[in-house]
Amino acid sequence: MKKRIIGFTGLLLVLVTVVFCAAPAVNTAQALGPHPRIVKAINMLRHTRSVLEQAPSVFGGHKAIAIKRVNEAIHQLRLAMRYAR
């Protein structure tokens, strides 16, 4: 059980890392404000949360934990944007 949670958390970290390392186009960067990669990461996490919420709830509580961690990641990214202003 802990291995799955650790694995999912690792997957989220990889997802966020990929978003931060991706080089956005200039137009996209301007459209998303001063922190386009953080905005993209938040949008991807929102989509991930939506997919998880629509999944069947037969995962022994792991789905709820994953949704909670996605919400925490979104919250941390919002705090990061506020801090960087």
PDB file of N, CA and C in Angstrom:
ATOM      1  N   MET A   1       0.828  -1.186   0.000  1.00  0.00           N
ATOM      2  CA  MET A   1       0.000   0.000   0.000  1.00  0.00           C
ATOM      3  C   MET A   1       0.878   1.258   0.000  1.00  0.00           C
ATOM      4  N   LYS A   2       1.893   1.282   0.875  1.00  0.00           N
ATOM      5  CA  LYS A   2       2.769   2.442   0.925  1.00  0.00           C
ATOM      6  C   LYS A   2       3.560   2.592  -0.364  1.00  0.00           C
ATOM      7  N   LYS A   3       3.915   1.465  -0.989  1.00  0.00           N
ATOM      8  CA  LYS A   3       4.659   1.522  -2.246  1.00  0.00           C
ATOM      9  C   LYS A   3       3.838   2.202  -3.329  1.00  0.00           C
ATOM     10  N   ARG A   4       2.537   1.939  -3.348  1.00  0.00           N
ATOM     11  CA  ARG A   4       1.669   2.563  -4.358  1.00  0.00           C
ATOM     12  C   ARG A   4       1.556   4.060  -4.119  1.00  0.00           C
ATOM     13  N   ILE A   5       1.427   4.461  -2.858  1.00  0.00           N
ATOM     14  CA  ILE A   5       1.333   5.889  -2.533  1.00  0.00           C
ATOM     15  C   ILE A   5       2.634   6.582  -2.915  1.00  0.00           C
ATOM     16  N   ILE A   6       3.743   5.969  -2.565  1.00  0.00           N
ATOM     17  CA  ILE A   6       5.045   6.540  -2.913  1.00  0.00           C
ATOM     18  C   ILE A   6       5.198   6.607  -4.428  1.00  0.00           C
ATOM     19  N   GLY A   7       4.760   5.553  -5.113  1.00  0.00           N
ATOM     20  CA  GLY A   7       4.839   5.544  -6.574  1.00  0.00           C
ATOM     21  C   GLY A   7       4.000   6.632  -7.207  1.00  0.00           C
ATOM     22  N   PHE A   8       2.783   6.833  -6.690  1.00  0.00           N
ATOM     23  CA  PHE A   8       1.917   7.867  -7.249  1.00  0.00           C
ATOM     24  C   PHE A   8       2.487   9.253  -6.963  1.00  0.00           C
ATOM     25  N   THR A   9       3.014   9.446  -5.752  1.00  0.00           N
ATOM     26  CA  THR A   9       3.623  10.724  -5.408  1.00  0.00           C
ATOM     27  C   THR A   9       4.813  10.992  -6.328  1.00  0.00           C
ATOM     28  N   GLY A  10       5.593   9.952  -6.596  1.00  0.00           N
ATOM     29  CA  GLY A  10       6.712  10.094  -7.526  1.00  0.00           C
ATOM     30  C   GLY A  10       6.245  10.471  -8.918  1.00  0.00           C
ATOM     31  N   LEU A  11       5.153   9.863  -9.347  1.00  0.00           N
ATOM     32  CA  LEU A  11       4.590  10.183 -10.661  1.00  0.00           C
ATOM     33  C   LEU A  11       4.170  11.649 -10.726  1.00  0.00           C
ATOM     34  N   LEU A  12       3.544  12.141  -9.672  1.00  0.00           N
ATOM     35  CA  LEU A  12       3.155  13.548  -9.636  1.00  0.00           C
ATOM     36  C   LEU A  12       4.380  14.452  -9.707  1.00  0.00           C
ATOM     37  N   LEU A  13       5.423  14.100  -8.980  1.00  0.00           N
ATOM     38  CA  LEU A  13       6.641  14.904  -9.014  1.00  0.00           C
ATOM     39  C   LEU A  13       7.257  14.913 -10.404  1.00  0.00           C
ATOM     40  N   VAL A  14       7.254  13.775 -11.075  1.00  0.00           N
ATOM     41  CA  VAL A  14       7.772  13.706 -12.444  1.00  0.00           C
ATOM     42  C   VAL A  14       6.938  14.581 -13.371  1.00  0.00           C
ATOM     43  N   LEU A  15       5.621  14.514 -13.228  1.00  0.00           N
ATOM     44  CA  LEU A  15       4.727  15.329 -14.048  1.00  0.00           C
ATOM     45  C   LEU A  15       5.020  16.812 -13.873  1.00  0.00           C
ATOM     46  N   VAL A  16       5.131  17.241 -12.636  1.00  0.00           N
ATOM     47  CA  VAL A  16       5.409  18.652 -12.364  1.00  0.00           C
ATOM     48  C   VAL A  16       6.792  19.028 -12.885  1.00  0.00           C
ATOM     49  N   THR A  17       7.774  18.158 -12.728  1.00  0.00           N
ATOM     50  CA  THR A  17       9.123  18.430 -13.227  1.00  0.00           C
ATOM     51  C   THR A  17       9.127  18.579 -14.737  1.00  0.00           C
ATOM     52  N   VAL A  18       8.414  17.717 -15.426  1.00  0.00           N
ATOM     53  CA  VAL A  18       8.347  17.797 -16.886  1.00  0.00           C
ATOM     54  C   VAL A  18       7.730  19.121 -17.315  1.00  0.00           C
ATOM     55  N   VAL A  19       6.693  19.531 -16.622  1.00  0.00           N
ATOM     56  CA  VAL A  19       6.045  20.803 -16.967  1.00  0.00           C
ATOM     57  C   VAL A  19       7.007  21.960 -16.747  1.00  0.00           C
ATOM     58  N   PHE A  20       7.752  21.943 -15.635  1.00  0.00           N
ATOM     59  CA  PHE A  20       8.673  23.031 -15.355  1.00  0.00           C
ATOM     60  C   PHE A  20       9.841  23.060 -16.330  1.00  0.00           C
ATOM     61  N   CYS A  21      10.254  21.911 -16.819  1.00  0.00           N
ATOM     62  CA  CYS A  21      11.404  21.843 -17.714  1.00  0.00           C
ATOM     63  C   CYS A  21      11.038  22.086 -19.174  1.00  0.00           C
ATOM     64  N   ALA A  22       9.778  21.953 -19.500  1.00  0.00           N
ATOM     65  CA  ALA A  22       9.355  22.169 -20.886  1.00  0.00           C
ATOM     66  C   ALA A  22       9.524  23.642 -21.240  1.00  0.00           C
ATOM     67  N   ALA A  23      10.007  23.879 -22.425  1.00  0.00           N
ATOM     68  CA  ALA A  23      10.192  25.265 -22.866  1.00  0.00           C
ATOM     69  C   ALA A  23       8.935  25.733 -23.592  1.00  0.00           C
ATOM     70  N   PRO A  24       8.139  26.591 -22.970  1.00  0.00           N
ATOM     71  CA  PRO A  24       6.911  27.041 -23.619  1.00  0.00           C
ATOM     72  C   PRO A  24       7.205  28.035 -24.737  1.00  0.00           C
ATOM     73  N   ALA A  25       6.309  28.115 -25.682  1.00  0.00           N
ATOM     74  CA  ALA A  25       6.425  29.094 -26.753  1.00  0.00           C
ATOM     75  C   ALA A  25       6.267  30.492 -26.165  1.00  0.00           C
ATOM     76  N   VAL A  26       6.829  31.481 -26.838  1.00  0.00           N
ATOM     77  CA  VAL A  26       6.772  32.857 -26.332  1.00  0.00           C
ATOM     78  C   VAL A  26       5.330  33.316 -26.190  1.00  0.00           C
ATOM     79  N   ASN A  27       4.486  33.034 -27.169  1.00  0.00           N
ATOM     80  CA  ASN A  27       3.090  33.461 -27.098  1.00  0.00           C
ATOM     81  C   ASN A  27       2.374  32.810 -25.916  1.00  0.00           C
ATOM     82  N   THR A  28       2.633  31.553 -25.684  1.00  0.00           N
ATOM     83  CA  THR A  28       2.023  30.863 -24.555  1.00  0.00           C
ATOM     84  C   THR A  28       2.493  31.482 -23.253  1.00  0.00           C
ATOM     85  N   ALA A  29       3.758  31.786 -23.155  1.00  0.00           N
ATOM     86  CA  ALA A  29       4.303  32.375 -21.935  1.00  0.00           C
ATOM     87  C   ALA A  29       3.642  33.713 -21.644  1.00  0.00           C
ATOM     88  N   GLN A  30       3.454  34.520 -22.674  1.00  0.00           N
ATOM     89  CA  GLN A  30       2.821  35.819 -22.480  1.00  0.00           C
ATOM     90  C   GLN A  30       1.363  35.665 -22.086  1.00  0.00           C
ATOM     91  N   ALA A  31       0.685  34.681 -22.655  1.00  0.00           N
ATOM     92  CA  ALA A  31      -0.737  34.492 -22.369  1.00  0.00           C
ATOM     93  C   ALA A  31      -0.974  34.004 -20.947  1.00  0.00           C
ATOM     94  N   LEU A  32      -0.017  33.276 -20.377  1.00  0.00           N
ATOM     95  CA  LEU A  32      -0.202  32.702 -19.052  1.00  0.00           C
ATOM     96  C   LEU A  32       0.370  33.561 -17.935  1.00  0.00           C
ATOM     97  N   GLY A  33       0.895  34.725 -18.232  1.00  0.00           N
ATOM     98  CA  GLY A  33       1.393  35.611 -17.190  1.00  0.00           C
ATOM     99  C   GLY A  33       2.855  35.360 -16.866  1.00  0.00           C
ATOM    100  N   PRO A  34       3.282  35.859 -15.701  1.00  0.00           N
ATOM    101  CA  PRO A  34       4.701  35.799 -15.366  1.00  0.00           C
ATOM    102  C   PRO A  34       5.211  34.400 -14.996  1.00  0.00           C
ATOM    103  N   HIS A  35       4.322  33.459 -14.720  1.00  0.00           N
ATOM    104  CA  HIS A  35       4.732  32.105 -14.325  1.00  0.00           C
ATOM    105  C   HIS A  35       3.986  31.061 -15.150  1.00  0.00           C
ATOM    106  N   PRO A  36       4.258  31.009 -16.460  1.00  0.00           N
ATOM    107  CA  PRO A  36       3.481  30.128 -17.329  1.00  0.00           C
ATOM    108  C   PRO A  36       3.634  28.642 -17.008  1.00  0.00           C
ATOM    109  N   ARG A  37       4.798  28.233 -16.565  1.00  0.00           N
ATOM    110  CA  ARG A  37       4.989  26.807 -16.271  1.00  0.00           C
ATOM    111  C   ARG A  37       4.209  26.395 -15.026  1.00  0.00           C
ATOM    112  N   ILE A  38       4.152  27.281 -14.046  1.00  0.00           N
ATOM    113  CA  ILE A  38       3.370  26.962 -12.852  1.00  0.00           C
ATOM    114  C   ILE A  38       1.890  26.898 -13.205  1.00  0.00           C
ATOM    115  N   VAL A  39       1.425  27.827 -14.033  1.00  0.00           N
ATOM    116  CA  VAL A  39       0.025  27.816 -14.461  1.00  0.00           C
ATOM    117  C   VAL A  39      -0.285  26.532 -15.222  1.00  0.00           C
ATOM    118  N   LYS A  40       0.626  26.110 -16.096  1.00  0.00           N
ATOM    119  CA  LYS A  40       0.427  24.860 -16.840  1.00  0.00           C
ATOM    120  C   LYS A  40       0.379  23.669 -15.891  1.00  0.00           C
ATOM    121  N   ALA A  41       1.269  23.662 -14.904  1.00  0.00           N
ATOM    122  CA  ALA A  41       1.291  22.565 -13.935  1.00  0.00           C
ATOM    123  C   ALA A  41      -0.027  22.502 -13.168  1.00  0.00           C
ATOM    124  N   ILE A  42      -0.540  23.653 -12.760  1.00  0.00           N
ATOM    125  CA  ILE A  42      -1.822  23.695 -12.044  1.00  0.00           C
ATOM    126  C   ILE A  42      -2.934  23.157 -12.932  1.00  0.00           C
ATOM    127  N   ASN A  43      -2.937  23.560 -14.188  1.00  0.00           N
ATOM    128  CA  ASN A  43      -3.974  23.074 -15.110  1.00  0.00           C
ATOM    129  C   ASN A  43      -3.882  21.565 -15.310  1.00  0.00           C
ATOM    130  N   MET A  44      -2.667  21.053 -15.418  1.00  0.00           N
ATOM    131  CA  MET A  44      -2.496  19.605 -15.585  1.00  0.00           C
ATOM    132  C   MET A  44      -2.943  18.863 -14.325  1.00  0.00           C
ATOM    133  N   LEU A  45      -2.634  19.425 -13.163  1.00  0.00           N
ATOM    134  CA  LEU A  45      -3.061  18.796 -11.914  1.00  0.00           C
ATOM    135  C   LEU A  45      -4.583  18.828 -11.779  1.00  0.00           C
ATOM    136  N   ARG A  46      -5.204  19.917 -12.209  1.00  0.00           N
ATOM    137  CA  ARG A  46      -6.676  19.977 -12.185  1.00  0.00           C
ATOM    138  C   ARG A  46      -7.268  18.892 -13.072  1.00  0.00           C
ATOM    139  N   HIS A  47      -6.671  18.696 -14.237  1.00  0.00           N
ATOM    140  CA  HIS A  47      -7.147  17.643 -15.136  1.00  0.00           C
ATOM    141  C   HIS A  47      -6.951  16.273 -14.490  1.00  0.00           C
ATOM    142  N   THR A  48      -5.795  16.080 -13.872  1.00  0.00           N
ATOM    143  CA  THR A  48      -5.518  14.816 -13.176  1.00  0.00           C
ATOM    144  C   THR A  48      -6.555  14.572 -12.093  1.00  0.00           C
ATOM    145  N   ARG A  49      -6.881  15.609 -11.327  1.00  0.00           N
ATOM    146  CA  ARG A  49      -7.887  15.485 -10.272  1.00  0.00           C
ATOM    147  C   ARG A  49      -9.236  15.094 -10.860  1.00  0.00           C
ATOM    148  N   SER A  50      -9.595  15.696 -11.974  1.00  0.00           N
ATOM    149  CA  SER A  50     -10.864  15.380 -12.626  1.00  0.00           C
ATOM    150  C   SER A  50     -10.917  13.917 -13.056  1.00  0.00           C
ATOM    151  N   VAL A  51      -9.817  13.446 -13.643  1.00  0.00           N
ATOM    152  CA  VAL A  51      -9.758  12.046 -14.070  1.00  0.00           C
ATOM    153  C   VAL A  51      -9.887  11.126 -12.867  1.00  0.00           C
ATOM    154  N   LEU A  52      -9.182  11.436 -11.795  1.00  0.00           N
ATOM    155  CA  LEU A  52      -9.259  10.622 -10.586  1.00  0.00           C
ATOM    156  C   LEU A  52     -10.671  10.616 -10.008  1.00  0.00           C
ATOM    157  N   GLU A  53     -11.310  11.766  -9.980  1.00  0.00           N
ATOM    158  CA  GLU A  53     -12.657  11.856  -9.415  1.00  0.00           C
ATOM    159  C   GLU A  53     -13.657  11.029 -10.217  1.00  0.00           C
ATOM    160  N   GLN A  54     -13.430  10.891 -11.505  1.00  0.00           N
ATOM    161  CA  GLN A  54     -14.339  10.128 -12.348  1.00  0.00           C
ATOM    162  C   GLN A  54     -14.034   8.632 -12.351  1.00  0.00           C
ATOM    163  N   ALA A  55     -12.912   8.251 -11.793  1.00  0.00           N
ATOM    164  CA  ALA A  55     -12.528   6.835 -11.754  1.00  0.00           C
ATOM    165  C   ALA A  55     -13.417   6.086 -10.765  1.00  0.00           C
ATOM    166  N   PRO A  56     -13.614   4.784 -10.987  1.00  0.00           N
ATOM    167  CA  PRO A  56     -14.408   3.996 -10.039  1.00  0.00           C
ATOM    168  C   PRO A  56     -13.752   4.037  -8.657  1.00  0.00           C
ATOM    169  N   SER A  57     -14.573   4.083  -7.622  1.00  0.00           N
ATOM    170  CA  SER A  57     -13.999   4.205  -6.272  1.00  0.00           C
ATOM    171  C   SER A  57     -13.827   2.842  -5.622  1.00  0.00           C
ATOM    172  N   VAL A  58     -12.976   2.020  -6.178  1.00  0.00           N
ATOM    173  CA  VAL A  58     -12.694   0.689  -5.641  1.00  0.00           C
ATOM    174  C   VAL A  58     -11.189   0.514  -5.435  1.00  0.00           C
ATOM    175  N   PHE A  59     -10.541   1.533  -4.977  1.00  0.00           N
ATOM    176  CA  PHE A  59      -9.090   1.490  -4.853  1.00  0.00           C
ATOM    177  C   PHE A  59      -8.627   1.496  -3.401  1.00  0.00           C
ATOM    178  N   GLY A  60      -9.452   1.043  -2.507  1.00  0.00           N
ATOM    179  CA  GLY A  60      -9.059   0.897  -1.111  1.00  0.00           C
ATOM    180  C   GLY A  60      -8.604   2.174  -0.441  1.00  0.00           C
ATOM    181  N   GLY A  61      -9.162   3.299  -0.815  1.00  0.00           N
ATOM    182  CA  GLY A  61      -8.792   4.574  -0.209  1.00  0.00           C
ATOM    183  C   GLY A  61      -7.646   5.292  -0.890  1.00  0.00           C
ATOM    184  N   HIS A  62      -6.983   4.632  -1.832  1.00  0.00           N
ATOM    185  CA  HIS A  62      -5.835   5.255  -2.505  1.00  0.00           C
ATOM    186  C   HIS A  62      -6.261   6.396  -3.412  1.00  0.00           C
ATOM    187  N   LYS A  63      -7.417   6.273  -4.013  1.00  0.00           N
ATOM    188  CA  LYS A  63      -7.908   7.342  -4.885  1.00  0.00           C
ATOM    189  C   LYS A  63      -8.113   8.614  -4.077  1.00  0.00           C
ATOM    190  N   ALA A  64      -8.717   8.490  -2.903  1.00  0.00           N
ATOM    191  CA  ALA A  64      -8.962   9.660  -2.055  1.00  0.00           C
ATOM    192  C   ALA A  64      -7.646  10.306  -1.622  1.00  0.00           C
ATOM    193  N   ILE A  65      -6.665   9.475  -1.298  1.00  0.00           N
ATOM    194  CA  ILE A  65      -5.351  10.001  -0.910  1.00  0.00           C
ATOM    195  C   ILE A  65      -4.702  10.719  -2.088  1.00  0.00           C
ATOM    196  N   ALA A  66      -4.808  10.135  -3.282  1.00  0.00           N
ATOM    197  CA  ALA A  66      -4.226  10.748  -4.475  1.00  0.00           C
ATOM    198  C   ALA A  66      -4.879  12.098  -4.760  1.00  0.00           C
ATOM    199  N   ILE A  67      -6.205  12.173  -4.640  1.00  0.00           N
ATOM    200  CA  ILE A  67      -6.906  13.440  -4.867  1.00  0.00           C
ATOM    201  C   ILE A  67      -6.460  14.472  -3.838  1.00  0.00           C
ATOM    202  N   LYS A  68      -6.305  14.044  -2.603  1.00  0.00           N
ATOM    203  CA  LYS A  68      -5.842  14.953  -1.549  1.00  0.00           C
ATOM    204  C   LYS A  68      -4.453  15.486  -1.879  1.00  0.00           C
ATOM    205  N   ARG A  69      -3.572  14.603  -2.346  1.00  0.00           N
ATOM    206  CA  ARG A  69      -2.208  15.031  -2.683  1.00  0.00           C
ATOM    207  C   ARG A  69      -2.188  15.966  -3.897  1.00  0.00           C
ATOM    208  N   VAL A  70      -3.065  15.722  -4.849  1.00  0.00           N
ATOM    209  CA  VAL A  70      -3.168  16.620  -6.008  1.00  0.00           C
ATOM    210  C   VAL A  70      -3.630  17.996  -5.533  1.00  0.00           C
ATOM    211  N   ASN A  71      -4.625  18.025  -4.660  1.00  0.00           N
ATOM    212  CA  ASN A  71      -5.099  19.306  -4.118  1.00  0.00           C
ATOM    213  C   ASN A  71      -3.979  20.027  -3.364  1.00  0.00           C
ATOM    214  N   GLU A  72      -3.192  19.280  -2.599  1.00  0.00           N
ATOM    215  CA  GLU A  72      -2.065  19.876  -1.878  1.00  0.00           C
ATOM    216  C   GLU A  72      -1.031  20.437  -2.845  1.00  0.00           C
ATOM    217  N   ALA A  73      -0.775  19.721  -3.935  1.00  0.00           N
ATOM    218  CA  ALA A  73       0.190  20.195  -4.933  1.00  0.00           C
ATOM    219  C   ALA A  73      -0.301  21.489  -5.583  1.00  0.00           C
ATOM    220  N   ILE A  74      -1.582  21.537  -5.916  1.00  0.00           N
ATOM    221  CA  ILE A  74      -2.158  22.762  -6.490  1.00  0.00           C
ATOM    222  C   ILE A  74      -1.998  23.916  -5.508  1.00  0.00           C
ATOM    223  N   HIS A  75      -2.305  23.663  -4.246  1.00  0.00           N
ATOM    224  CA  HIS A  75      -2.187  24.702  -3.216  1.00  0.00           C
ATOM    225  C   HIS A  75      -0.738  25.204  -3.119  1.00  0.00           C
ATOM    226  N   GLN A  76       0.223  24.290  -3.109  1.00  0.00           N
ATOM    227  CA  GLN A  76       1.628  24.677  -3.010  1.00  0.00           C
ATOM    228  C   GLN A  76       2.068  25.499  -4.220  1.00  0.00           C
ATOM    229  N   LEU A  77       1.604  25.140  -5.395  1.00  0.00           N
ATOM    230  CA  LEU A  77       1.964  25.903  -6.595  1.00  0.00           C
ATOM    231  C   LEU A  77       1.364  27.300  -6.557  1.00  0.00           C
ATOM    232  N   ARG A  78       0.142  27.424  -6.049  1.00  0.00           N
ATOM    233  CA  ARG A  78      -0.457  28.768  -5.898  1.00  0.00           C
ATOM    234  C   ARG A  78       0.347  29.608  -4.913  1.00  0.00           C
ATOM    235  N   LEU A  79       0.769  28.991  -3.815  1.00  0.00           N
ATOM    236  CA  LEU A  79       1.600  29.706  -2.846  1.00  0.00           C
ATOM    237  C   LEU A  79       2.921  30.131  -3.481  1.00  0.00           C
ATOM    238  N   ALA A  80       3.501  29.262  -4.300  1.00  0.00           N
ATOM    239  CA  ALA A  80       4.754  29.587  -4.979  1.00  0.00           C
ATOM    240  C   ALA A  80       4.582  30.796  -5.884  1.00  0.00           C
ATOM    241  N   MET A  81       3.472  30.863  -6.609  1.00  0.00           N
ATOM    242  CA  MET A  81       3.227  32.007  -7.487  1.00  0.00           C
ATOM    243  C   MET A  81       3.076  33.293  -6.675  1.00  0.00           C
ATOM    244  N   ARG A  82       2.357  33.199  -5.550  1.00  0.00           N
ATOM    245  CA  ARG A  82       2.173  34.375  -4.700  1.00  0.00           C
ATOM    246  C   ARG A  82       3.517  34.848  -4.128  1.00  0.00           C
ATOM    247  N   TYR A  83       4.339  33.891  -3.719  1.00  0.00           N
ATOM    248  CA  TYR A  83       5.637  34.219  -3.140  1.00  0.00           C
ATOM    249  C   TYR A  83       6.548  34.893  -4.165  1.00  0.00           C
ATOM    250  N   ALA A  84       6.451  34.468  -5.397  1.00  0.00           N
ATOM    251  CA  ALA A  84       7.342  34.977  -6.453  1.00  0.00           C
ATOM    252  C   ALA A  84       6.966  36.365  -6.951  1.00  0.00           C
ATOM    253  N   ARG A  85       5.838  36.882  -6.536  1.00  0.00           N
ATOM    254  CA  ARG A  85       5.409  38.212  -7.026  1.00  0.00           C
ATOM    255  C   ARG A  85       6.281  39.310  -6.537  1.00  0.00           C
TER     256      ARG A  85
END
